[in-house]
Amino acid sequence: LKSFRLEEGCLFPVRPHFAPHSPAGLPLMALSSRRRVGGVASGGASLQQPCGDDADGHDSSTKATTAAAGGQCCRRRHAGAKAILWHAWPRAWGALASSAQAACRAVGAAGGGWALLQAVHAGVEAVGPKNEKCADEGEATSISSTTGGSSDEDGPVPRHIAVIMDGNRRFGRREHGDSLSGHRAGGEKLRDFLEWCVEEGVSFLTVFAFSTENWKRDPAEVEGMMQLFLHEVPRLGEHTARLNVRVSFLSSDATPFSAELRAALAKLEESSSAGTGLHLNICLSYGGRGDMVRACRQIAKEVACDSLALDDIDEAALKKRLLTGEVPDPDVLIRTSGECRLSNFLMFQLAYTEMFFLDKHWPELTRQDLQNVIGKYKARHRRFGR
């Protein structure tokens, strides 16, 4: 299109040799009409022609009144058509560019001028109906993305979100000089994040709070975290009760827990069991590999007891016996702190999960971050190998 210029609704070639068989000016047509008056297309009568019906022999006063009304009608139509063309142009330009370039490449094969004229006409017609709506609403139509894909509104909200809440220690040391403050800030952020997920329409949320590998940390830090869990569980219970959230604690190895902590976790699970809203899974002393080993042992016991046939062992049988067996696999995984690994989290369940790694610590996460992830997820095309 760099070889053409637009004047009064017509495209004129700047380089005559570019389309030697084309007419001097290519009429730009709007919508689906083939009629053109004053460079702007009309869906019915000419924009310069009175819209009143004065051909049936009425007297001069009637004709004058009809002509005046017709003039007003024409002006309205003229203004409307100009608005349509004005709002159509940004969107039409992209279509015209690709269409004109394709047509010009065909010069000599089927008549370059005619091919270009048809391409221009088709490009404008392609955006016509949407431009009418745009003109009515007074909004400009944006140019479509050249990368393709769906918009953020095309897909559904993820049903299940999994989160590796990483970066609490680094945040605490940077902001407060100690790691435990970071873990405390991480607990507060979990309550905020839970509420955001409820408001966004998420059905399941699974968070990685403490792994089986975390027991290898400094004993003082581990003990401080266990005491923090004891303090945070009742506060989380109050929050989940207000949000109608059901809570489950998932542990592939719960033996290191104290009796006091076990009782607190069981109490929250029982008190929230009637929740009918979002289902929150908190992974404490959890490892994905340990989860699979535990499920395999369960299957082996059932086979040994003749309660499960060897031929009935498949992926579904294994999934059913995992700690997350009653919930669907995650649609989205979010990991904070800039690390790009799974760290033994839900190793079986994340096979087809869309993953997002955010370069900020968990306590720094904002609601906008969650909305950005959901928007990007909705724009992705999940094919599951198809």
Foldseek 3Di string as FASTA:
>chain_A
DVQWDDDQQWTAGVDCVLQVQADRTQHQEAAQDPDDDRNFHDPDDHLVDFPFDPPPDDDPVVVVVSRVVSPVVSVVRVVLRVLLCVLLVQALVVQLVVQQVVLSVCDPVPHSNVSSSVSSSVSNNVCRVVSSVCSVVVHHDHHDDPVDFDFLPQFDFWQEEEEEQDDLQVVCCVPPNGSLVSLLLLLVLVLVVVVLCLVRQHAEYEYENAELVNVPDDPVVVVSVLVVLLVSLVVVLVSCVVSLEAEEEDALDPVVHDPSSVVSRVVSNVVSVRRPGHYYYYYHRHFQVSQLVVLVVVVVVCVVVVVDPPVPDDPLSSCCSGPCNVDAQGQEYEYECQDDDDRRPNVPRCPQHHYDYYNHHNSPDDSVNVVVRSSVSRRDDRDVVD
